[in-house]
Every structure is written in structure tokens, then in C-alpha cells.
Amino acid sequence: MTADEAATLNAFLDYHRHTLALKTEGLTDDQLRLRSVPPSNLSLLGLVRHMAEVEQYWFQSVLLGQENAEGHFWTKENEDGDFDDVDTADVAADFAVWRAEVEAARSAAAGLPLETVGKKPRRGRPVTLRWILTHMIEEYARHNGHADLLRELIDGSTGE
């Protein structure tokens, strides 16, 4: 609790990444695909796929300026493919994509000052690494709340 700002933000982000991993641990592919309640398309697998997209967008596209016409799981035809298309998805492959995007995000941000401005503006406005890290903590925290409810629905597990 005495680390500098960059270390603190990165530690909180890693905590939330780890929390999502814990919420999905030990479940079958079918359990990971289970939707919450109609008409919601939320599932634990969908959340993992969504977070892979979010990691890629903020760190690779916004921070580093890479152009990604489409994501791993969404297309121009279906922008909710990360959530919609889980029924026949390859669960192991999708988790590997998420883990790879987390590692790529860590690499993209490593050693950069928090004041670093991303190479691609968001809605016409510059974005700093500080903002990206803070937003990612918020994004994971919100979706980890969803993951808590989904996991409790599946097997009654709560906590973490």
C-alpha cells in the first residue's frame, strides 16, 4: 500500500484479471457458456472473450496505434460476437486469446510513464496510459460483478 501510482494501478488491474480467472476456474465448457437470464447474452465465456477484445483495443489500438479492423470475436456484421457466439466456441482457444492479450497489454505498457499519450485518440480526444489503466480497472471490476452472479448461478460459489 506504499507503491507508486504506476505500480498501484498495475497491481489493481492484475488483481481484477486474476479475479476473472478465479471466477471461471474449474468449470466445464458448458458451464462457461451458460447464459444468465433472458434476454441477457451474458456468460462467463462471453466475459472472457469481451475482456480479450477490451485488452486489445485499449493497449494495442489506442495506446500503440495498431489498426484492428475487427477483433478476435466480433465482426462488423456482429459487434456483440464476443457475447453472442459462445455456443460453439472453442473454450480453450478463447481463454488462450484472453491470456495472450493480457500479456500483450502488459508488454505494451511496460516502462511507459503514466502521462504517455496513446497514438490513437478515442472519440477525437487524446488518452493517457493513466486513463487506460484506470478505465481497465473499472471495466474488469464491473464485469467481475457480473462474473460473481454468473458463478453463483452455476454452482453457488461466492467470494473472491
N, C-alpha and C. Protein backbone atom coordinates (compact mmCIF):
# COMPACT_ATOMS: atom_id res chain seq x y z
N MET A 1 0.80 -1.19 0.00
CA MET A 1 0.00 0.00 0.00
C MET A 1 0.85 1.26 0.00
N THR A 2 2.14 1.10 -0.30
CA THR A 2 3.01 2.28 -0.36
C THR A 2 3.68 2.41 -1.72
N ALA A 3 3.21 1.65 -2.70
CA ALA A 3 3.82 1.68 -4.04
C ALA A 3 3.49 2.99 -4.73
N ASP A 4 4.26 3.29 -5.76
CA ASP A 4 3.96 4.49 -6.54
C ASP A 4 2.69 4.27 -7.37
N GLU A 5 2.23 5.32 -8.03
CA GLU A 5 0.96 5.28 -8.74
C GLU A 5 0.93 4.21 -9.84
N ALA A 6 1.98 4.13 -10.63
CA ALA A 6 2.01 3.16 -11.73
C ALA A 6 1.93 1.73 -11.20
N ALA A 7 2.72 1.43 -10.20
CA ALA A 7 2.71 0.09 -9.62
C ALA A 7 1.35 -0.22 -9.00
N THR A 8 0.74 0.76 -8.36
CA THR A 8 -0.57 0.57 -7.75
C THR A 8 -1.63 0.28 -8.81
N LEU A 9 -1.68 1.08 -9.87
CA LEU A 9 -2.67 0.86 -10.93
C LEU A 9 -2.47 -0.50 -11.58
N ASN A 10 -1.24 -0.86 -11.88
CA ASN A 10 -0.97 -2.16 -12.50
C ASN A 10 -1.33 -3.31 -11.56
N ALA A 11 -1.10 -3.15 -10.27
CA ALA A 11 -1.43 -4.19 -9.31
C ALA A 11 -2.95 -4.37 -9.21
N PHE A 12 -3.69 -3.27 -9.18
CA PHE A 12 -5.14 -3.39 -9.14
C PHE A 12 -5.68 -4.03 -10.41
N LEU A 13 -5.13 -3.68 -11.56
CA LEU A 13 -5.57 -4.28 -12.81
C LEU A 13 -5.27 -5.78 -12.81
N ASP A 14 -4.08 -6.16 -12.38
CA ASP A 14 -3.75 -7.59 -12.32
C ASP A 14 -4.63 -8.33 -11.32
N TYR A 15 -4.98 -7.68 -10.22
CA TYR A 15 -5.89 -8.29 -9.26
C TYR A 15 -7.23 -8.62 -9.93
N HIS A 16 -7.75 -7.68 -10.69
CA HIS A 16 -9.04 -7.91 -11.35
C HIS A 16 -8.93 -8.94 -12.48
N ARG A 17 -7.82 -8.97 -13.18
CA ARG A 17 -7.62 -10.02 -14.17
C ARG A 17 -7.62 -11.39 -13.49
N HIS A 18 -6.93 -11.49 -12.38
CA HIS A 18 -6.86 -12.74 -11.63
C HIS A 18 -8.24 -13.14 -11.09
N THR A 19 -9.01 -12.15 -10.67
CA THR A 19 -10.36 -12.43 -10.16
C THR A 19 -11.22 -13.06 -11.24
N LEU A 20 -11.16 -12.53 -12.47
CA LEU A 20 -11.94 -13.12 -13.56
C LEU A 20 -11.49 -14.56 -13.80
N ALA A 21 -10.20 -14.80 -13.76
CA ALA A 21 -9.69 -16.16 -13.93
C ALA A 21 -10.24 -17.08 -12.84
N LEU A 22 -10.26 -16.61 -11.60
CA LEU A 22 -10.78 -17.42 -10.49
C LEU A 22 -12.27 -17.73 -10.66
N LYS A 23 -13.03 -16.76 -11.17
CA LYS A 23 -14.47 -16.96 -11.35
C LYS A 23 -14.78 -18.01 -12.41
N THR A 24 -13.83 -18.29 -13.27
CA THR A 24 -14.05 -19.26 -14.35
C THR A 24 -13.38 -20.60 -14.07
N GLU A 25 -12.61 -20.67 -13.02
CA GLU A 25 -11.80 -21.85 -12.73
C GLU A 25 -12.66 -23.06 -12.36
N GLY A 26 -12.28 -24.21 -12.91
CA GLY A 26 -12.89 -25.47 -12.54
C GLY A 26 -14.25 -25.75 -13.14
N LEU A 27 -14.67 -24.96 -14.11
CA LEU A 27 -15.98 -25.16 -14.74
C LEU A 27 -15.84 -25.88 -16.07
N THR A 28 -16.89 -26.56 -16.46
CA THR A 28 -16.90 -27.22 -17.76
C THR A 28 -17.15 -26.19 -18.86
N ASP A 29 -16.91 -26.58 -20.08
CA ASP A 29 -17.19 -25.70 -21.21
C ASP A 29 -18.66 -25.29 -21.23
N ASP A 30 -19.55 -26.23 -20.98
CA ASP A 30 -20.98 -25.91 -20.98
C ASP A 30 -21.34 -24.94 -19.86
N GLN A 31 -20.73 -25.09 -18.71
CA GLN A 31 -20.99 -24.14 -17.62
C GLN A 31 -20.49 -22.75 -17.97
N LEU A 32 -19.34 -22.67 -18.63
CA LEU A 32 -18.80 -21.37 -19.02
C LEU A 32 -19.67 -20.68 -20.08
N ARG A 33 -20.40 -21.48 -20.84
CA ARG A 33 -21.28 -20.95 -21.88
C ARG A 33 -22.66 -20.56 -21.35
N LEU A 34 -23.00 -21.01 -20.15
CA LEU A 34 -24.33 -20.80 -19.59
C LEU A 34 -24.66 -19.31 -19.50
N ARG A 35 -25.82 -18.94 -20.04
CA ARG A 35 -26.27 -17.55 -20.03
C ARG A 35 -26.98 -17.26 -18.71
N SER A 36 -27.03 -16.00 -18.36
CA SER A 36 -27.66 -15.62 -17.09
C SER A 36 -29.17 -15.77 -17.19
N VAL A 37 -29.87 -14.74 -17.55
CA VAL A 37 -31.33 -14.78 -17.68
C VAL A 37 -31.72 -14.07 -18.96
N PRO A 38 -32.72 -14.61 -19.67
CA PRO A 38 -33.16 -13.96 -20.89
C PRO A 38 -33.66 -12.54 -20.59
N PRO A 39 -33.42 -11.60 -21.42
CA PRO A 39 -32.82 -11.70 -22.74
C PRO A 39 -31.31 -11.47 -22.74
N SER A 40 -30.68 -11.47 -21.56
CA SER A 40 -29.25 -11.21 -21.47
C SER A 40 -28.44 -12.27 -22.21
N ASN A 41 -27.37 -11.84 -22.85
CA ASN A 41 -26.47 -12.77 -23.51
C ASN A 41 -25.20 -13.00 -22.68
N LEU A 42 -25.20 -12.58 -21.42
CA LEU A 42 -24.02 -12.71 -20.58
C LEU A 42 -23.73 -14.17 -20.22
N SER A 43 -22.47 -14.53 -20.34
CA SER A 43 -21.96 -15.80 -19.87
C SER A 43 -20.52 -15.56 -19.42
N LEU A 44 -19.99 -16.47 -18.63
CA LEU A 44 -18.60 -16.32 -18.21
C LEU A 44 -17.66 -16.36 -19.41
N LEU A 45 -17.91 -17.26 -20.35
CA LEU A 45 -17.07 -17.30 -21.54
C LEU A 45 -17.19 -16.00 -22.33
N GLY A 46 -18.38 -15.48 -22.44
CA GLY A 46 -18.57 -14.20 -23.12
C GLY A 46 -17.79 -13.08 -22.45
N LEU A 47 -17.75 -13.08 -21.12
CA LEU A 47 -16.99 -12.06 -20.41
C LEU A 47 -15.49 -12.18 -20.69
N VAL A 48 -14.99 -13.40 -20.71
CA VAL A 48 -13.57 -13.61 -21.02
C VAL A 48 -13.27 -13.13 -22.44
N ARG A 49 -14.12 -13.49 -23.38
CA ARG A 49 -13.94 -13.06 -24.76
C ARG A 49 -14.02 -11.53 -24.88
N HIS A 50 -14.97 -10.94 -24.18
CA HIS A 50 -15.11 -9.48 -24.20
C HIS A 50 -13.86 -8.81 -23.64
N MET A 51 -13.35 -9.33 -22.54
CA MET A 51 -12.17 -8.71 -21.94
C MET A 51 -10.94 -8.87 -22.82
N ALA A 52 -10.86 -9.94 -23.59
CA ALA A 52 -9.77 -10.06 -24.58
C ALA A 52 -9.87 -8.92 -25.59
N GLU A 53 -11.09 -8.64 -26.05
CA GLU A 53 -11.30 -7.55 -27.00
C GLU A 53 -10.95 -6.20 -26.38
N VAL A 54 -11.35 -6.00 -25.14
CA VAL A 54 -11.10 -4.73 -24.45
C VAL A 54 -9.59 -4.54 -24.24
N GLU A 55 -8.90 -5.59 -23.82
CA GLU A 55 -7.44 -5.51 -23.65
C GLU A 55 -6.79 -5.11 -24.98
N GLN A 56 -7.19 -5.79 -26.05
CA GLN A 56 -6.61 -5.50 -27.36
C GLN A 56 -6.88 -4.06 -27.78
N TYR A 57 -8.13 -3.64 -27.62
CA TYR A 57 -8.50 -2.29 -28.08
C TYR A 57 -7.70 -1.21 -27.35
N TRP A 58 -7.70 -1.23 -26.03
CA TRP A 58 -7.09 -0.14 -25.29
C TRP A 58 -5.57 -0.13 -25.35
N PHE A 59 -4.96 -1.30 -25.32
CA PHE A 59 -3.50 -1.32 -25.29
C PHE A 59 -2.88 -1.38 -26.68
N GLN A 60 -3.42 -2.21 -27.56
CA GLN A 60 -2.82 -2.33 -28.90
C GLN A 60 -3.29 -1.21 -29.82
N SER A 61 -4.58 -0.96 -29.83
CA SER A 61 -5.12 0.03 -30.76
C SER A 61 -4.92 1.46 -30.25
N VAL A 62 -5.44 1.76 -29.07
CA VAL A 62 -5.37 3.14 -28.57
C VAL A 62 -3.95 3.51 -28.14
N LEU A 63 -3.33 2.71 -27.28
CA LEU A 63 -2.00 3.07 -26.77
C LEU A 63 -0.94 2.98 -27.86
N LEU A 64 -0.87 1.85 -28.57
CA LEU A 64 0.20 1.66 -29.56
C LEU A 64 -0.16 2.12 -30.96
N GLY A 65 -1.44 2.36 -31.23
CA GLY A 65 -1.85 2.86 -32.54
C GLY A 65 -2.00 1.81 -33.61
N GLN A 66 -2.06 0.53 -33.23
CA GLN A 66 -2.25 -0.53 -34.23
C GLN A 66 -3.68 -0.48 -34.75
N GLU A 67 -3.81 -0.72 -36.04
CA GLU A 67 -5.14 -0.76 -36.65
C GLU A 67 -5.69 -2.18 -36.59
N ASN A 68 -6.86 -2.32 -36.00
CA ASN A 68 -7.54 -3.61 -35.93
C ASN A 68 -8.94 -3.43 -36.51
N ALA A 69 -9.12 -3.84 -37.74
CA ALA A 69 -10.41 -3.66 -38.40
C ALA A 69 -11.50 -4.46 -37.69
N GLU A 70 -11.15 -5.62 -37.20
CA GLU A 70 -12.08 -6.46 -36.46
C GLU A 70 -11.33 -7.09 -35.30
N GLY A 71 -12.07 -7.50 -34.31
CA GLY A 71 -11.46 -8.12 -33.14
C GLY A 71 -11.32 -9.61 -33.32
N HIS A 72 -11.03 -10.26 -32.23
CA HIS A 72 -10.94 -11.72 -32.24
C HIS A 72 -12.31 -12.36 -32.37
N PHE A 73 -13.31 -11.75 -31.73
CA PHE A 73 -14.61 -12.40 -31.60
C PHE A 73 -15.76 -11.59 -32.17
N TRP A 74 -15.53 -10.35 -32.53
CA TRP A 74 -16.61 -9.56 -33.11
C TRP A 74 -16.25 -9.21 -34.55
N THR A 75 -17.25 -8.94 -35.30
CA THR A 75 -17.08 -8.52 -36.69
C THR A 75 -17.96 -7.30 -36.92
N LYS A 76 -17.78 -6.68 -38.05
CA LYS A 76 -18.65 -5.55 -38.40
C LYS A 76 -20.10 -6.01 -38.50
N GLU A 77 -20.30 -7.26 -38.89
CA GLU A 77 -21.66 -7.80 -39.00
C GLU A 77 -22.26 -8.12 -37.63
N ASN A 78 -21.42 -8.46 -36.66
CA ASN A 78 -21.91 -8.78 -35.32
C ASN A 78 -20.93 -8.21 -34.29
N GLU A 79 -21.20 -7.00 -33.89
CA GLU A 79 -20.32 -6.34 -32.92
C GLU A 79 -20.43 -6.92 -31.52
N ASP A 80 -21.44 -7.76 -31.28
CA ASP A 80 -21.57 -8.44 -29.99
C ASP A 80 -21.16 -9.91 -30.08
N GLY A 81 -20.35 -10.25 -31.07
CA GLY A 81 -19.92 -11.63 -31.26
C GLY A 81 -19.19 -12.19 -30.06
N ASP A 82 -18.51 -11.33 -29.30
CA ASP A 82 -17.81 -11.81 -28.11
C ASP A 82 -18.79 -12.43 -27.12
N PHE A 83 -19.99 -11.88 -27.02
CA PHE A 83 -21.02 -12.43 -26.15
C PHE A 83 -21.96 -13.39 -26.87
N ASP A 84 -22.31 -13.07 -28.11
CA ASP A 84 -23.33 -13.84 -28.83
C ASP A 84 -22.86 -15.22 -29.26
N ASP A 85 -21.63 -15.34 -29.70
CA ASP A 85 -21.18 -16.54 -30.40
C ASP A 85 -20.41 -17.52 -29.51
N VAL A 86 -20.93 -17.80 -28.33
CA VAL A 86 -20.22 -18.69 -27.42
C VAL A 86 -20.68 -20.14 -27.51
N ASP A 87 -21.82 -20.39 -28.11
CA ASP A 87 -22.40 -21.73 -28.07
C ASP A 87 -21.51 -22.81 -28.69
N THR A 88 -20.78 -22.48 -29.72
CA THR A 88 -19.90 -23.45 -30.37
C THR A 88 -18.43 -23.01 -30.30
N ALA A 89 -18.15 -22.04 -29.46
CA ALA A 89 -16.79 -21.52 -29.36
C ALA A 89 -15.83 -22.56 -28.76
N ASP A 90 -14.58 -22.46 -29.16
CA ASP A 90 -13.52 -23.29 -28.60
C ASP A 90 -13.04 -22.63 -27.31
N VAL A 91 -13.49 -23.14 -26.18
CA VAL A 91 -13.24 -22.50 -24.90
C VAL A 91 -11.74 -22.37 -24.61
N ALA A 92 -10.99 -23.43 -24.80
CA ALA A 92 -9.55 -23.38 -24.52
C ALA A 92 -8.86 -22.33 -25.40
N ALA A 93 -9.23 -22.29 -26.66
CA ALA A 93 -8.63 -21.31 -27.58
C ALA A 93 -9.01 -19.89 -27.17
N ASP A 94 -10.25 -19.69 -26.76
CA ASP A 94 -10.69 -18.35 -26.36
C ASP A 94 -9.97 -17.88 -25.10
N PHE A 95 -9.78 -18.78 -24.14
CA PHE A 95 -9.01 -18.41 -22.94
C PHE A 95 -7.56 -18.10 -23.31
N ALA A 96 -7.01 -18.84 -24.25
CA ALA A 96 -5.63 -18.57 -24.70
C ALA A 96 -5.53 -17.18 -25.33
N VAL A 97 -6.54 -16.80 -26.10
CA VAL A 97 -6.56 -15.46 -26.69
C VAL A 97 -6.57 -14.41 -25.58
N TRP A 98 -7.44 -14.59 -24.58
CA TRP A 98 -7.51 -13.63 -23.48
C TRP A 98 -6.16 -13.53 -22.76
N ARG A 99 -5.57 -14.67 -22.44
CA ARG A 99 -4.27 -14.65 -21.75
C ARG A 99 -3.20 -13.96 -22.59
N ALA A 100 -3.22 -14.21 -23.89
CA ALA A 100 -2.24 -13.58 -24.78
C ALA A 100 -2.46 -12.07 -24.84
N GLU A 101 -3.70 -11.64 -24.86
CA GLU A 101 -3.98 -10.20 -24.87
C GLU A 101 -3.57 -9.53 -23.57
N VAL A 102 -3.74 -10.22 -22.46
CA VAL A 102 -3.28 -9.69 -21.17
C VAL A 102 -1.77 -9.51 -21.20
N GLU A 103 -1.05 -10.51 -21.69
CA GLU A 103 0.41 -10.41 -21.77
C GLU A 103 0.84 -9.31 -22.74
N ALA A 104 0.15 -9.21 -23.86
CA ALA A 104 0.47 -8.14 -24.83
C ALA A 104 0.21 -6.77 -24.22
N ALA A 105 -0.85 -6.65 -23.42
CA ALA A 105 -1.15 -5.38 -22.76
C ALA A 105 -0.06 -5.03 -21.75
N ARG A 106 0.36 -6.00 -20.97
CA ARG A 106 1.44 -5.76 -20.01
C ARG A 106 2.71 -5.29 -20.74
N SER A 107 3.02 -5.95 -21.83
CA SER A 107 4.21 -5.58 -22.61
C SER A 107 4.07 -4.18 -23.19
N ALA A 108 2.88 -3.86 -23.69
CA ALA A 108 2.66 -2.54 -24.30
C ALA A 108 2.87 -1.41 -23.30
N ALA A 109 2.46 -1.64 -22.06
CA ALA A 109 2.53 -0.59 -21.04
C ALA A 109 3.83 -0.59 -20.25
N ALA A 110 4.59 -1.66 -20.34
CA ALA A 110 5.79 -1.81 -19.51
C ALA A 110 6.76 -0.64 -19.70
N GLY A 111 7.09 -0.03 -18.59
CA GLY A 111 8.10 1.02 -18.59
C GLY A 111 7.64 2.37 -19.10
N LEU A 112 6.41 2.48 -19.56
CA LEU A 112 5.93 3.77 -20.06
C LEU A 112 5.46 4.64 -18.90
N PRO A 113 5.75 5.93 -18.96
CA PRO A 113 5.21 6.84 -17.95
C PRO A 113 3.68 6.91 -18.06
N LEU A 114 3.03 7.13 -16.94
CA LEU A 114 1.57 7.22 -16.94
C LEU A 114 1.06 8.37 -17.82
N GLU A 115 1.88 9.35 -18.06
CA GLU A 115 1.50 10.50 -18.88
C GLU A 115 1.59 10.22 -20.38
N THR A 116 2.06 9.03 -20.74
CA THR A 116 2.18 8.67 -22.15
C THR A 116 0.81 8.78 -22.81
N VAL A 117 0.77 9.51 -23.92
CA VAL A 117 -0.48 9.68 -24.66
C VAL A 117 -0.54 8.61 -25.74
N GLY A 118 -1.68 7.93 -25.80
CA GLY A 118 -1.86 6.89 -26.81
C GLY A 118 -1.76 7.46 -28.21
N LYS A 119 -1.39 6.60 -29.15
CA LYS A 119 -1.19 7.03 -30.53
C LYS A 119 -2.49 7.17 -31.30
N LYS A 120 -3.58 6.63 -30.75
CA LYS A 120 -4.88 6.73 -31.42
C LYS A 120 -5.86 7.41 -30.47
N PRO A 121 -6.38 8.57 -30.84
CA PRO A 121 -7.35 9.23 -29.97
C PRO A 121 -8.63 8.40 -29.83
N ARG A 122 -9.33 8.61 -28.75
CA ARG A 122 -10.63 7.96 -28.51
C ARG A 122 -11.69 9.04 -28.68
N ARG A 123 -12.54 8.86 -29.68
CA ARG A 123 -13.58 9.85 -29.98
C ARG A 123 -12.99 11.25 -30.14
N GLY A 124 -11.85 11.28 -30.82
CA GLY A 124 -11.21 12.55 -31.13
C GLY A 124 -10.42 13.18 -30.00
N ARG A 125 -10.31 12.49 -28.88
CA ARG A 125 -9.60 13.07 -27.73
C ARG A 125 -8.41 12.20 -27.35
N PRO A 126 -7.31 12.84 -26.95
CA PRO A 126 -6.14 12.07 -26.52
C PRO A 126 -6.43 11.31 -25.23
N VAL A 127 -5.76 10.18 -25.08
CA VAL A 127 -5.94 9.31 -23.91
C VAL A 127 -4.56 8.95 -23.36
N THR A 128 -4.39 9.11 -22.06
CA THR A 128 -3.12 8.75 -21.43
C THR A 128 -3.14 7.31 -20.94
N LEU A 129 -1.96 6.76 -20.72
CA LEU A 129 -1.84 5.43 -20.13
C LEU A 129 -2.51 5.41 -18.77
N ARG A 130 -2.40 6.47 -17.99
CA ARG A 130 -3.05 6.54 -16.68
C ARG A 130 -4.56 6.32 -16.84
N TRP A 131 -5.15 6.99 -17.83
CA TRP A 131 -6.59 6.85 -18.05
C TRP A 131 -6.92 5.43 -18.49
N ILE A 132 -6.11 4.86 -19.37
CA ILE A 132 -6.36 3.49 -19.85
C ILE A 132 -6.32 2.51 -18.68
N LEU A 133 -5.31 2.60 -17.84
CA LEU A 133 -5.22 1.68 -16.70
C LEU A 133 -6.41 1.84 -15.75
N THR A 134 -6.78 3.09 -15.48
CA THR A 134 -7.92 3.34 -14.60
C THR A 134 -9.20 2.80 -15.22
N HIS A 135 -9.38 3.02 -16.51
CA HIS A 135 -10.56 2.51 -17.20
C HIS A 135 -10.59 0.98 -17.19
N MET A 136 -9.46 0.35 -17.40
CA MET A 136 -9.41 -1.11 -17.40
C MET A 136 -9.76 -1.68 -16.03
N ILE A 137 -9.33 -1.03 -14.96
CA ILE A 137 -9.71 -1.46 -13.61
C ILE A 137 -11.22 -1.38 -13.48
N GLU A 138 -11.81 -0.28 -13.92
CA GLU A 138 -13.26 -0.11 -13.87
C GLU A 138 -13.97 -1.15 -14.70
N GLU A 139 -13.45 -1.42 -15.89
CA GLU A 139 -14.08 -2.39 -16.80
C GLU A 139 -14.08 -3.79 -16.19
N TYR A 140 -12.94 -4.20 -15.67
CA TYR A 140 -12.87 -5.51 -15.03
C TYR A 140 -13.74 -5.56 -13.78
N ALA A 141 -13.72 -4.51 -12.97
CA ALA A 141 -14.50 -4.52 -11.73
C ALA A 141 -15.99 -4.68 -12.04
N ARG A 142 -16.47 -3.96 -13.03
CA ARG A 142 -17.89 -4.06 -13.42
C ARG A 142 -18.21 -5.47 -13.89
N HIS A 143 -17.37 -6.00 -14.78
CA HIS A 143 -17.65 -7.33 -15.31
C HIS A 143 -17.38 -8.44 -14.30
N ASN A 144 -16.49 -8.21 -13.35
CA ASN A 144 -16.30 -9.20 -12.29
C ASN A 144 -17.54 -9.28 -11.39
N GLY A 145 -18.27 -8.19 -11.27
CA GLY A 145 -19.55 -8.25 -10.58
C GLY A 145 -20.53 -9.15 -11.32
N HIS A 146 -20.54 -9.03 -12.65
CA HIS A 146 -21.36 -9.95 -13.45
C HIS A 146 -20.88 -11.39 -13.26
N ALA A 147 -19.56 -11.57 -13.26
CA ALA A 147 -19.00 -12.92 -13.11
C ALA A 147 -19.38 -13.53 -11.76
N ASP A 148 -19.42 -12.70 -10.71
CA ASP A 148 -19.85 -13.19 -9.39
C ASP A 148 -21.25 -13.80 -9.49
N LEU A 149 -22.16 -13.07 -10.10
CA LEU A 149 -23.54 -13.54 -10.20
C LEU A 149 -23.65 -14.78 -11.08
N LEU A 150 -22.92 -14.80 -12.19
CA LEU A 150 -22.95 -15.96 -13.07
C LEU A 150 -22.40 -17.20 -12.38
N ARG A 151 -21.30 -17.05 -11.67
CA ARG A 151 -20.70 -18.19 -10.98
C ARG A 151 -21.63 -18.70 -9.88
N GLU A 152 -22.27 -17.79 -9.17
CA GLU A 152 -23.21 -18.23 -8.13
C GLU A 152 -24.39 -18.97 -8.75
N LEU A 153 -24.85 -18.53 -9.92
CA LEU A 153 -25.92 -19.22 -10.62
C LEU A 153 -25.51 -20.65 -11.00
N ILE A 154 -24.26 -20.80 -11.42
CA ILE A 154 -23.78 -22.10 -11.90
C ILE A 154 -23.62 -23.12 -10.77
N ASP A 155 -22.91 -22.73 -9.72
CA ASP A 155 -22.62 -23.72 -8.68
C ASP A 155 -22.71 -23.19 -7.25
N GLY A 156 -23.25 -22.00 -7.08
CA GLY A 156 -23.42 -21.45 -5.74
C GLY A 156 -22.16 -20.85 -5.15
N SER A 157 -21.06 -20.88 -5.90
CA SER A 157 -19.79 -20.36 -5.39
C SER A 157 -19.83 -18.84 -5.28
N THR A 158 -19.39 -18.34 -4.13
CA THR A 158 -19.29 -16.90 -3.91
C THR A 158 -17.92 -16.59 -3.33
N GLY A 159 -17.59 -15.34 -3.30
CA GLY A 159 -16.32 -14.94 -2.70
C GLY A 159 -15.33 -14.45 -3.72
N GLU A 160 -14.14 -14.09 -3.22
CA GLU A 160 -13.05 -13.52 -4.01
C GLU A 160 -13.48 -12.23 -4.62
